Amino acid sequence: MWLPAAHDRRALRMSLTKHLVVFAKAPRLGTVKTRLAASIGPVTAWAFARYTLEAVVRPLACDRRWRCWLAVTPDKSIFQRRQWPATHGLITQGPGDLGKRMADVTECLAPGPVVIIGTDIPAIRPHHIASAFQALGRHDAAFGPARDGGYWLVGLKRRPAFTDIFKNVRWS
């Protein structure tokens, strides 16, 4: 089992906090956006990954309506703080497929609703996140459906009760 950085553990104990978790891969040349890099080149793909990371995190992290967490992979990249945009906290994703990592991150957070997004949605704005949290006031879960049949946002009202939804899913 992995643990968040020591300086962030106090924050994990806060109760009924709205948690926004942005899943991100360390923006390293040659390791990010590899499918995209096949057509546009590794440097352009790396620049795009850096841009989308900043474009997603910057407007969302400073919003006081929720606590913004950056869930990073690989886990050891948590120690290279300068490569990450400023957020309320950094946590590691841990091992496993995307579903296991989302479940583990969700379970480590203090009670309260959680919204999970990735960095592939540079047009996302605080009102999108606020709408998801508002929906969680009336529903157990909220989803942002994507055109490809997947989701760009997953929100859960309470944890850990609903983390089983991440099991037995085919992740791309």
N, C-alpha and C. Protein backbone atom coordinates (compact mmCIF):
# COMPACT_ATOMS: atom_id res chain seq x y z
N MET A 1 0.85 -1.19 0.00
CA MET A 1 0.00 0.00 0.00
C MET A 1 0.88 1.23 0.00
N TRP A 2 0.55 2.21 -0.76
CA TRP A 2 1.32 3.45 -0.85
C TRP A 2 0.71 4.48 0.07
N LEU A 3 1.48 5.49 0.38
CA LEU A 3 1.00 6.59 1.22
C LEU A 3 1.28 7.91 0.55
N PRO A 4 0.43 8.90 0.76
CA PRO A 4 0.72 10.23 0.24
C PRO A 4 1.91 10.83 0.96
N ALA A 5 2.47 11.87 0.37
CA ALA A 5 3.59 12.56 0.99
C ALA A 5 3.21 12.98 2.41
N ALA A 6 4.17 12.91 3.32
CA ALA A 6 3.90 13.18 4.74
C ALA A 6 3.25 14.53 4.97
N HIS A 7 3.70 15.56 4.24
CA HIS A 7 3.15 16.89 4.48
C HIS A 7 1.70 17.01 4.02
N ASP A 8 1.19 16.05 3.25
CA ASP A 8 -0.19 16.10 2.80
C ASP A 8 -1.13 15.24 3.64
N ARG A 9 -0.62 14.45 4.56
CA ARG A 9 -1.47 13.56 5.35
C ARG A 9 -2.45 14.32 6.25
N ARG A 10 -2.02 15.47 6.79
CA ARG A 10 -2.92 16.28 7.61
C ARG A 10 -4.15 16.67 6.80
N ALA A 11 -3.92 17.07 5.56
CA ALA A 11 -5.03 17.50 4.72
C ALA A 11 -5.96 16.34 4.40
N LEU A 12 -5.44 15.13 4.32
CA LEU A 12 -6.28 13.98 4.02
C LEU A 12 -7.31 13.72 5.12
N ARG A 13 -7.03 14.17 6.32
CA ARG A 13 -7.93 13.92 7.45
C ARG A 13 -9.08 14.93 7.53
N MET A 14 -9.03 15.99 6.74
CA MET A 14 -10.11 16.97 6.78
C MET A 14 -11.41 16.28 6.37
N SER A 15 -12.49 16.54 7.07
CA SER A 15 -13.71 15.80 6.78
C SER A 15 -14.65 16.59 5.88
N LEU A 16 -15.38 15.84 5.08
CA LEU A 16 -16.40 16.35 4.18
C LEU A 16 -15.90 17.45 3.25
N THR A 17 -14.66 17.37 2.89
CA THR A 17 -14.08 18.28 1.93
C THR A 17 -14.42 17.79 0.53
N LYS A 18 -14.70 18.71 -0.38
CA LYS A 18 -14.84 18.34 -1.78
C LYS A 18 -13.43 18.16 -2.33
N HIS A 19 -13.20 17.02 -2.96
CA HIS A 19 -11.87 16.69 -3.48
C HIS A 19 -11.92 16.62 -5.01
N LEU A 20 -11.10 17.41 -5.65
CA LEU A 20 -10.87 17.29 -7.09
C LEU A 20 -9.52 16.62 -7.26
N VAL A 21 -9.49 15.50 -7.96
CA VAL A 21 -8.25 14.77 -8.19
C VAL A 21 -7.96 14.77 -9.69
N VAL A 22 -6.80 15.30 -10.05
CA VAL A 22 -6.36 15.32 -11.44
C VAL A 22 -5.29 14.23 -11.60
N PHE A 23 -5.59 13.23 -12.40
CA PHE A 23 -4.62 12.17 -12.68
C PHE A 23 -3.65 12.66 -13.75
N ALA A 24 -2.35 12.52 -13.47
CA ALA A 24 -1.35 13.03 -14.41
C ALA A 24 -0.13 12.12 -14.47
N LYS A 25 0.41 12.02 -15.65
CA LYS A 25 1.66 11.29 -15.86
C LYS A 25 2.79 12.32 -15.90
N ALA A 26 3.92 11.99 -15.30
CA ALA A 26 5.06 12.91 -15.31
C ALA A 26 5.39 13.30 -16.75
N PRO A 27 5.47 14.60 -17.01
CA PRO A 27 5.70 15.07 -18.38
C PRO A 27 7.17 14.91 -18.79
N ARG A 28 7.52 13.70 -19.17
CA ARG A 28 8.90 13.40 -19.57
C ARG A 28 8.95 13.08 -21.06
N LEU A 29 9.89 13.67 -21.73
CA LEU A 29 10.07 13.47 -23.16
C LEU A 29 10.20 11.98 -23.48
N GLY A 30 9.39 11.53 -24.43
CA GLY A 30 9.44 10.14 -24.85
C GLY A 30 8.56 9.19 -24.07
N THR A 31 7.96 9.67 -22.97
CA THR A 31 7.11 8.78 -22.16
C THR A 31 5.66 9.23 -22.10
N VAL A 32 5.37 10.43 -22.58
CA VAL A 32 3.99 10.92 -22.55
C VAL A 32 3.45 11.04 -23.98
N LYS A 33 2.16 10.81 -24.10
CA LYS A 33 1.47 10.94 -25.39
C LYS A 33 2.17 10.15 -26.49
N THR A 34 2.50 8.91 -26.20
CA THR A 34 3.29 8.11 -27.14
C THR A 34 2.53 7.81 -28.43
N ARG A 35 1.22 7.59 -28.36
CA ARG A 35 0.46 7.36 -29.60
C ARG A 35 0.42 8.62 -30.44
N LEU A 36 0.24 9.77 -29.80
CA LEU A 36 0.26 11.04 -30.50
C LEU A 36 1.65 11.32 -31.07
N ALA A 37 2.68 10.98 -30.34
CA ALA A 37 4.06 11.21 -30.77
C ALA A 37 4.38 10.48 -32.07
N ALA A 38 3.71 9.37 -32.32
CA ALA A 38 3.96 8.62 -33.55
C ALA A 38 3.65 9.45 -34.79
N SER A 39 2.70 10.39 -34.67
CA SER A 39 2.33 11.20 -35.83
C SER A 39 2.89 12.62 -35.78
N ILE A 40 3.12 13.17 -34.59
CA ILE A 40 3.60 14.56 -34.53
C ILE A 40 5.01 14.70 -33.98
N GLY A 41 5.59 13.60 -33.55
CA GLY A 41 6.95 13.63 -33.02
C GLY A 41 6.95 13.74 -31.51
N PRO A 42 8.00 13.20 -30.86
CA PRO A 42 8.04 13.17 -29.40
C PRO A 42 8.16 14.54 -28.75
N VAL A 43 8.86 15.48 -29.37
CA VAL A 43 9.02 16.80 -28.76
C VAL A 43 7.69 17.56 -28.76
N THR A 44 6.98 17.51 -29.88
CA THR A 44 5.67 18.18 -29.95
C THR A 44 4.67 17.52 -29.01
N ALA A 45 4.71 16.20 -28.93
CA ALA A 45 3.82 15.48 -28.01
C ALA A 45 4.14 15.85 -26.56
N TRP A 46 5.42 15.95 -26.22
CA TRP A 46 5.83 16.35 -24.87
C TRP A 46 5.34 17.77 -24.57
N ALA A 47 5.52 18.68 -25.54
CA ALA A 47 5.06 20.07 -25.34
C ALA A 47 3.55 20.11 -25.14
N PHE A 48 2.82 19.29 -25.89
CA PHE A 48 1.37 19.24 -25.73
C PHE A 48 1.00 18.71 -24.35
N ALA A 49 1.70 17.69 -23.88
CA ALA A 49 1.43 17.13 -22.55
C ALA A 49 1.68 18.18 -21.47
N ARG A 50 2.76 18.94 -21.59
CA ARG A 50 3.05 20.01 -20.62
C ARG A 50 1.95 21.07 -20.66
N TYR A 51 1.55 21.45 -21.88
CA TYR A 51 0.51 22.47 -22.03
C TYR A 51 -0.80 22.02 -21.40
N THR A 52 -1.24 20.79 -21.71
CA THR A 52 -2.53 20.35 -21.18
C THR A 52 -2.49 20.19 -19.67
N LEU A 53 -1.37 19.76 -19.13
CA LEU A 53 -1.23 19.66 -17.67
C LEU A 53 -1.45 21.02 -17.02
N GLU A 54 -0.75 22.03 -17.52
CA GLU A 54 -0.90 23.39 -16.99
C GLU A 54 -2.30 23.94 -17.24
N ALA A 55 -2.83 23.73 -18.45
CA ALA A 55 -4.13 24.28 -18.82
C ALA A 55 -5.25 23.70 -17.97
N VAL A 56 -5.12 22.45 -17.57
CA VAL A 56 -6.15 21.82 -16.74
C VAL A 56 -5.99 22.24 -15.28
N VAL A 57 -4.78 22.14 -14.75
CA VAL A 57 -4.56 22.34 -13.31
C VAL A 57 -4.66 23.81 -12.90
N ARG A 58 -4.06 24.71 -13.66
CA ARG A 58 -3.98 26.11 -13.23
C ARG A 58 -5.33 26.73 -12.86
N PRO A 59 -6.36 26.68 -13.71
CA PRO A 59 -7.62 27.32 -13.32
C PRO A 59 -8.40 26.58 -12.24
N LEU A 60 -8.13 25.28 -12.07
CA LEU A 60 -8.89 24.49 -11.11
C LEU A 60 -8.28 24.48 -9.72
N ALA A 61 -6.96 24.54 -9.65
CA ALA A 61 -6.27 24.41 -8.36
C ALA A 61 -6.49 25.60 -7.44
N CYS A 62 -6.75 26.77 -8.01
CA CYS A 62 -6.90 27.95 -7.15
C CYS A 62 -8.34 28.19 -6.70
N ASP A 63 -9.25 27.34 -7.11
CA ASP A 63 -10.65 27.50 -6.71
C ASP A 63 -10.83 27.01 -5.28
N ARG A 64 -11.38 27.85 -4.42
CA ARG A 64 -11.52 27.54 -3.00
C ARG A 64 -12.72 26.64 -2.68
N ARG A 65 -13.51 26.30 -3.68
CA ARG A 65 -14.68 25.46 -3.42
C ARG A 65 -14.31 23.99 -3.23
N TRP A 66 -13.10 23.62 -3.57
CA TRP A 66 -12.65 22.24 -3.42
C TRP A 66 -11.16 22.21 -3.17
N ARG A 67 -10.70 21.06 -2.73
CA ARG A 67 -9.27 20.84 -2.54
C ARG A 67 -8.78 20.08 -3.77
N CYS A 68 -7.76 20.61 -4.42
CA CYS A 68 -7.25 20.02 -5.65
C CYS A 68 -6.02 19.17 -5.35
N TRP A 69 -6.09 17.93 -5.78
CA TRP A 69 -4.99 16.97 -5.63
C TRP A 69 -4.48 16.60 -7.01
N LEU A 70 -3.19 16.50 -7.14
CA LEU A 70 -2.59 15.98 -8.36
C LEU A 70 -2.10 14.57 -8.04
N ALA A 71 -2.73 13.57 -8.65
CA ALA A 71 -2.35 12.17 -8.45
C ALA A 71 -1.37 11.81 -9.56
N VAL A 72 -0.13 11.57 -9.18
CA VAL A 72 0.95 11.47 -10.16
C VAL A 72 1.46 10.04 -10.35
N THR A 73 1.98 9.81 -11.54
CA THR A 73 2.67 8.57 -11.88
C THR A 73 3.83 8.91 -12.81
N PRO A 74 4.95 8.24 -12.74
CA PRO A 74 5.27 7.20 -11.78
C PRO A 74 5.37 7.75 -10.37
N ASP A 75 5.21 6.88 -9.40
CA ASP A 75 5.15 7.31 -8.00
C ASP A 75 6.37 8.10 -7.57
N LYS A 76 7.56 7.73 -8.04
CA LYS A 76 8.78 8.43 -7.61
C LYS A 76 8.83 9.87 -8.13
N SER A 77 8.00 10.21 -9.11
CA SER A 77 7.99 11.58 -9.63
C SER A 77 7.41 12.57 -8.63
N ILE A 78 6.78 12.08 -7.57
CA ILE A 78 6.24 12.96 -6.54
C ILE A 78 7.34 13.78 -5.88
N PHE A 79 8.56 13.25 -5.90
CA PHE A 79 9.68 13.93 -5.25
C PHE A 79 10.28 15.03 -6.12
N GLN A 80 9.87 15.12 -7.37
CA GLN A 80 10.36 16.15 -8.28
C GLN A 80 9.29 17.22 -8.43
N ARG A 81 9.05 17.92 -7.35
CA ARG A 81 7.94 18.86 -7.23
C ARG A 81 7.95 19.95 -8.32
N ARG A 82 9.13 20.38 -8.75
CA ARG A 82 9.19 21.48 -9.71
C ARG A 82 8.54 21.15 -11.05
N GLN A 83 8.44 19.89 -11.40
CA GLN A 83 7.85 19.54 -12.69
C GLN A 83 6.32 19.60 -12.66
N TRP A 84 5.75 19.75 -11.48
CA TRP A 84 4.29 19.74 -11.34
C TRP A 84 3.77 21.14 -11.10
N PRO A 85 2.59 21.47 -11.66
CA PRO A 85 1.96 22.76 -11.36
C PRO A 85 1.58 22.83 -9.88
N ALA A 86 1.44 24.03 -9.37
CA ALA A 86 1.06 24.21 -7.96
C ALA A 86 -0.37 23.72 -7.75
N THR A 87 -0.55 22.89 -6.73
CA THR A 87 -1.87 22.40 -6.34
C THR A 87 -1.91 22.39 -4.82
N HIS A 88 -3.02 21.97 -4.28
CA HIS A 88 -3.10 21.82 -2.83
C HIS A 88 -2.25 20.67 -2.33
N GLY A 89 -2.11 19.62 -3.14
CA GLY A 89 -1.35 18.48 -2.70
C GLY A 89 -1.01 17.52 -3.82
N LEU A 90 0.08 16.82 -3.63
CA LEU A 90 0.49 15.76 -4.55
C LEU A 90 0.31 14.42 -3.85
N ILE A 91 -0.25 13.46 -4.56
CA ILE A 91 -0.36 12.10 -4.05
C ILE A 91 0.06 11.16 -5.18
N THR A 92 0.50 9.98 -4.82
CA THR A 92 0.88 9.02 -5.84
C THR A 92 -0.33 8.20 -6.26
N GLN A 93 -0.31 7.72 -7.49
CA GLN A 93 -1.40 6.88 -7.98
C GLN A 93 -1.28 5.45 -7.49
N GLY A 94 -0.07 5.00 -7.27
CA GLY A 94 0.14 3.62 -6.85
C GLY A 94 0.10 2.67 -8.03
N PRO A 95 0.21 1.36 -7.76
CA PRO A 95 0.26 0.36 -8.83
C PRO A 95 -1.12 -0.05 -9.32
N GLY A 96 -1.13 -0.77 -10.44
CA GLY A 96 -2.37 -1.36 -10.95
C GLY A 96 -2.90 -0.65 -12.17
N ASP A 97 -4.04 -1.18 -12.67
CA ASP A 97 -4.66 -0.54 -13.83
C ASP A 97 -5.34 0.75 -13.39
N LEU A 98 -5.87 1.48 -14.35
CA LEU A 98 -6.47 2.78 -14.04
C LEU A 98 -7.57 2.66 -12.99
N GLY A 99 -8.40 1.63 -13.09
CA GLY A 99 -9.47 1.45 -12.12
C GLY A 99 -8.96 1.25 -10.71
N LYS A 100 -7.94 0.42 -10.55
CA LYS A 100 -7.36 0.19 -9.22
C LYS A 100 -6.75 1.48 -8.69
N ARG A 101 -6.05 2.21 -9.55
CA ARG A 101 -5.42 3.45 -9.09
C ARG A 101 -6.46 4.49 -8.69
N MET A 102 -7.56 4.60 -9.44
CA MET A 102 -8.61 5.55 -9.07
C MET A 102 -9.26 5.12 -7.75
N ALA A 103 -9.51 3.84 -7.58
CA ALA A 103 -10.10 3.35 -6.33
C ALA A 103 -9.17 3.62 -5.16
N ASP A 104 -7.88 3.34 -5.31
CA ASP A 104 -6.92 3.55 -4.22
C ASP A 104 -6.83 5.02 -3.83
N VAL A 105 -6.74 5.89 -4.82
CA VAL A 105 -6.67 7.33 -4.53
C VAL A 105 -7.95 7.79 -3.85
N THR A 106 -9.09 7.35 -4.36
CA THR A 106 -10.38 7.73 -3.77
C THR A 106 -10.47 7.29 -2.32
N GLU A 107 -10.02 6.08 -2.02
CA GLU A 107 -10.12 5.55 -0.66
C GLU A 107 -9.17 6.24 0.31
N CYS A 108 -8.09 6.83 -0.17
CA CYS A 108 -7.14 7.46 0.76
C CYS A 108 -7.58 8.86 1.17
N LEU A 109 -8.53 9.44 0.47
CA LEU A 109 -8.97 10.80 0.79
C LEU A 109 -9.96 10.81 1.95
N ALA A 110 -10.02 11.93 2.62
CA ALA A 110 -10.97 12.11 3.71
C ALA A 110 -12.40 12.04 3.19
N PRO A 111 -13.38 11.81 4.07
CA PRO A 111 -14.78 11.76 3.64
C PRO A 111 -15.19 13.02 2.90
N GLY A 112 -16.10 12.84 1.98
CA GLY A 112 -16.61 13.93 1.17
C GLY A 112 -16.61 13.52 -0.29
N PRO A 113 -17.29 14.28 -1.13
CA PRO A 113 -17.38 13.93 -2.54
C PRO A 113 -16.03 14.07 -3.24
N VAL A 114 -15.82 13.25 -4.26
CA VAL A 114 -14.58 13.30 -5.04
C VAL A 114 -14.93 13.34 -6.52
N VAL A 115 -14.21 14.18 -7.25
CA VAL A 115 -14.32 14.25 -8.70
C VAL A 115 -12.93 13.96 -9.26
N ILE A 116 -12.87 13.04 -10.22
CA ILE A 116 -11.60 12.64 -10.83
C ILE A 116 -11.62 13.01 -12.31
N ILE A 117 -10.54 13.65 -12.75
CA ILE A 117 -10.38 13.98 -14.16
C ILE A 117 -8.94 13.65 -14.56
N GLY A 118 -8.69 13.71 -15.86
CA GLY A 118 -7.33 13.56 -16.38
C GLY A 118 -6.85 14.88 -16.93
N THR A 119 -5.76 14.85 -17.65
CA THR A 119 -5.18 16.08 -18.19
C THR A 119 -5.44 16.24 -19.68
N ASP A 120 -6.28 15.40 -20.27
CA ASP A 120 -6.55 15.47 -21.70
C ASP A 120 -7.72 16.38 -22.05
N ILE A 121 -8.12 17.25 -21.15
CA ILE A 121 -9.28 18.11 -21.38
C ILE A 121 -8.91 19.57 -21.08
N PRO A 122 -8.06 20.18 -21.92
CA PRO A 122 -7.57 21.53 -21.62
C PRO A 122 -8.65 22.61 -21.58
N ALA A 123 -9.83 22.34 -22.14
CA ALA A 123 -10.90 23.33 -22.12
C ALA A 123 -11.74 23.27 -20.85
N ILE A 124 -11.45 22.36 -19.95
CA ILE A 124 -12.25 22.26 -18.72
C ILE A 124 -12.05 23.51 -17.86
N ARG A 125 -13.13 23.94 -17.24
CA ARG A 125 -13.10 25.14 -16.41
C ARG A 125 -13.77 24.85 -15.06
N PRO A 126 -13.57 25.74 -14.10
CA PRO A 126 -14.16 25.52 -12.77
C PRO A 126 -15.67 25.26 -12.79
N HIS A 127 -16.40 25.89 -13.71
CA HIS A 127 -17.85 25.66 -13.70
C HIS A 127 -18.20 24.21 -14.05
N HIS A 128 -17.37 23.52 -14.82
CA HIS A 128 -17.62 22.10 -15.10
C HIS A 128 -17.48 21.27 -13.81
N ILE A 129 -16.45 21.57 -13.05
CA ILE A 129 -16.21 20.84 -11.79
C ILE A 129 -17.31 21.18 -10.79
N ALA A 130 -17.67 22.46 -10.70
CA ALA A 130 -18.73 22.87 -9.78
C ALA A 130 -20.04 22.17 -10.13
N SER A 131 -20.34 22.02 -11.42
CA SER A 131 -21.56 21.31 -11.83
C SER A 131 -21.53 19.85 -11.39
N ALA A 132 -20.36 19.23 -11.49
CA ALA A 132 -20.25 17.83 -11.05
C ALA A 132 -20.49 17.72 -9.55
N PHE A 133 -19.88 18.61 -8.77
CA PHE A 133 -20.10 18.57 -7.32
C PHE A 133 -21.56 18.87 -6.98
N GLN A 134 -22.18 19.77 -7.73
CA GLN A 134 -23.59 20.07 -7.50
C GLN A 134 -24.45 18.82 -7.79
N ALA A 135 -24.13 18.11 -8.85
CA ALA A 135 -24.86 16.87 -9.18
C ALA A 135 -24.68 15.84 -8.07
N LEU A 136 -23.50 15.82 -7.45
CA LEU A 136 -23.26 14.86 -6.37
C LEU A 136 -24.05 15.19 -5.11
N GLY A 137 -24.60 16.38 -5.04
CA GLY A 137 -25.50 16.72 -3.95
C GLY A 137 -26.84 16.00 -4.08
N ARG A 138 -27.18 15.57 -5.30
CA ARG A 138 -28.46 14.92 -5.58
C ARG A 138 -28.32 13.45 -5.99
N HIS A 139 -27.11 13.06 -6.41
CA HIS A 139 -26.90 11.71 -6.94
C HIS A 139 -25.66 11.10 -6.32
N ASP A 140 -25.57 9.77 -6.37
CA ASP A 140 -24.40 9.08 -5.82
C ASP A 140 -23.18 9.19 -6.72
N ALA A 141 -23.40 9.38 -8.02
CA ALA A 141 -22.29 9.45 -8.96
C ALA A 141 -22.60 10.46 -10.05
N ALA A 142 -21.56 10.99 -10.66
CA ALA A 142 -21.69 11.91 -11.79
C ALA A 142 -20.61 11.54 -12.81
N PHE A 143 -20.98 11.62 -14.10
CA PHE A 143 -20.04 11.27 -15.17
C PHE A 143 -20.05 12.36 -16.23
N GLY A 144 -18.90 12.60 -16.81
CA GLY A 144 -18.77 13.47 -17.96
C GLY A 144 -18.51 12.58 -19.16
N PRO A 145 -19.54 12.27 -19.95
CA PRO A 145 -19.36 11.33 -21.05
C PRO A 145 -18.55 11.93 -22.21
N ALA A 146 -17.69 11.11 -22.79
CA ALA A 146 -16.87 11.53 -23.94
C ALA A 146 -17.48 10.96 -25.22
N ARG A 147 -17.14 11.56 -26.34
CA ARG A 147 -17.68 11.12 -27.63
C ARG A 147 -17.25 9.70 -28.00
N ASP A 148 -16.11 9.26 -27.47
CA ASP A 148 -15.60 7.93 -27.83
C ASP A 148 -16.23 6.81 -26.99
N GLY A 149 -17.20 7.16 -26.15
CA GLY A 149 -17.86 6.17 -25.32
C GLY A 149 -17.31 6.08 -23.92
N GLY A 150 -16.21 6.75 -23.66
CA GLY A 150 -15.62 6.77 -22.32
C GLY A 150 -16.12 7.96 -21.51
N TYR A 151 -15.34 8.34 -20.55
CA TYR A 151 -15.71 9.45 -19.66
C TYR A 151 -14.50 10.35 -19.43
N TRP A 152 -14.75 11.65 -19.36
CA TRP A 152 -13.68 12.59 -19.04
C TRP A 152 -13.74 13.02 -17.58
N LEU A 153 -14.79 12.63 -16.88
CA LEU A 153 -14.96 12.98 -15.46
C LEU A 153 -15.74 11.86 -14.78
N VAL A 154 -15.29 11.50 -13.59
CA VAL A 154 -16.02 10.56 -12.74
C VAL A 154 -16.13 11.22 -11.37
N GLY A 155 -17.34 11.31 -10.86
CA GLY A 155 -17.56 11.88 -9.54
C GLY A 155 -18.30 10.90 -8.66
N LEU A 156 -17.90 10.83 -7.39
CA LEU A 156 -18.55 9.94 -6.42
C LEU A 156 -18.92 10.74 -5.19
N LYS A 157 -20.15 10.52 -4.72
CA LYS A 157 -20.64 11.27 -3.57
C LYS A 157 -19.92 10.91 -2.28
N ARG A 158 -19.79 9.64 -1.96
CA ARG A 158 -19.16 9.19 -0.72
C ARG A 158 -18.23 8.05 -1.02
N ARG A 159 -17.19 7.99 -0.26
CA ARG A 159 -16.24 6.90 -0.43
C ARG A 159 -16.04 6.21 0.90
N PRO A 160 -15.62 4.97 0.93
CA PRO A 160 -15.20 4.11 -0.18
C PRO A 160 -16.33 3.28 -0.78
N ALA A 161 -17.56 3.55 -0.43
CA ALA A 161 -18.68 2.68 -0.82
C ALA A 161 -18.77 2.39 -2.31
N PHE A 162 -18.36 3.31 -3.16
CA PHE A 162 -18.60 3.14 -4.59
C PHE A 162 -17.35 2.81 -5.40
N THR A 163 -16.25 2.49 -4.77
CA THR A 163 -15.03 2.24 -5.54
C THR A 163 -15.09 0.94 -6.34
N ASP A 164 -16.05 0.08 -6.07
CA ASP A 164 -16.20 -1.14 -6.87
C ASP A 164 -16.56 -0.83 -8.32
N ILE A 165 -17.05 0.36 -8.61
CA ILE A 165 -17.40 0.69 -9.99
C ILE A 165 -16.17 0.70 -10.89
N PHE A 166 -14.99 0.76 -10.32
CA PHE A 166 -13.76 0.79 -11.11
C PHE A 166 -13.25 -0.60 -11.47
N LYS A 167 -13.88 -1.65 -10.94
CA LYS A 167 -13.43 -3.02 -11.18
C LYS A 167 -14.03 -3.57 -12.48
N ASN A 168 -13.28 -4.47 -13.10
CA ASN A 168 -13.72 -5.19 -14.30
C ASN A 168 -14.13 -4.26 -15.45
N VAL A 169 -13.37 -3.18 -15.61
CA VAL A 169 -13.60 -2.24 -16.70
C VAL A 169 -12.40 -2.33 -17.64
N ARG A 170 -12.65 -2.30 -18.94
CA ARG A 170 -11.56 -2.30 -19.92
C ARG A 170 -11.09 -0.85 -20.09
N TRP A 171 -9.86 -0.57 -19.73
CA TRP A 171 -9.29 0.78 -19.79
C TRP A 171 -8.44 0.93 -21.03
N SER A 172 -8.57 2.07 -21.70
CA SER A 172 -7.75 2.30 -22.90
C SER A 172 -6.47 3.02 -22.56
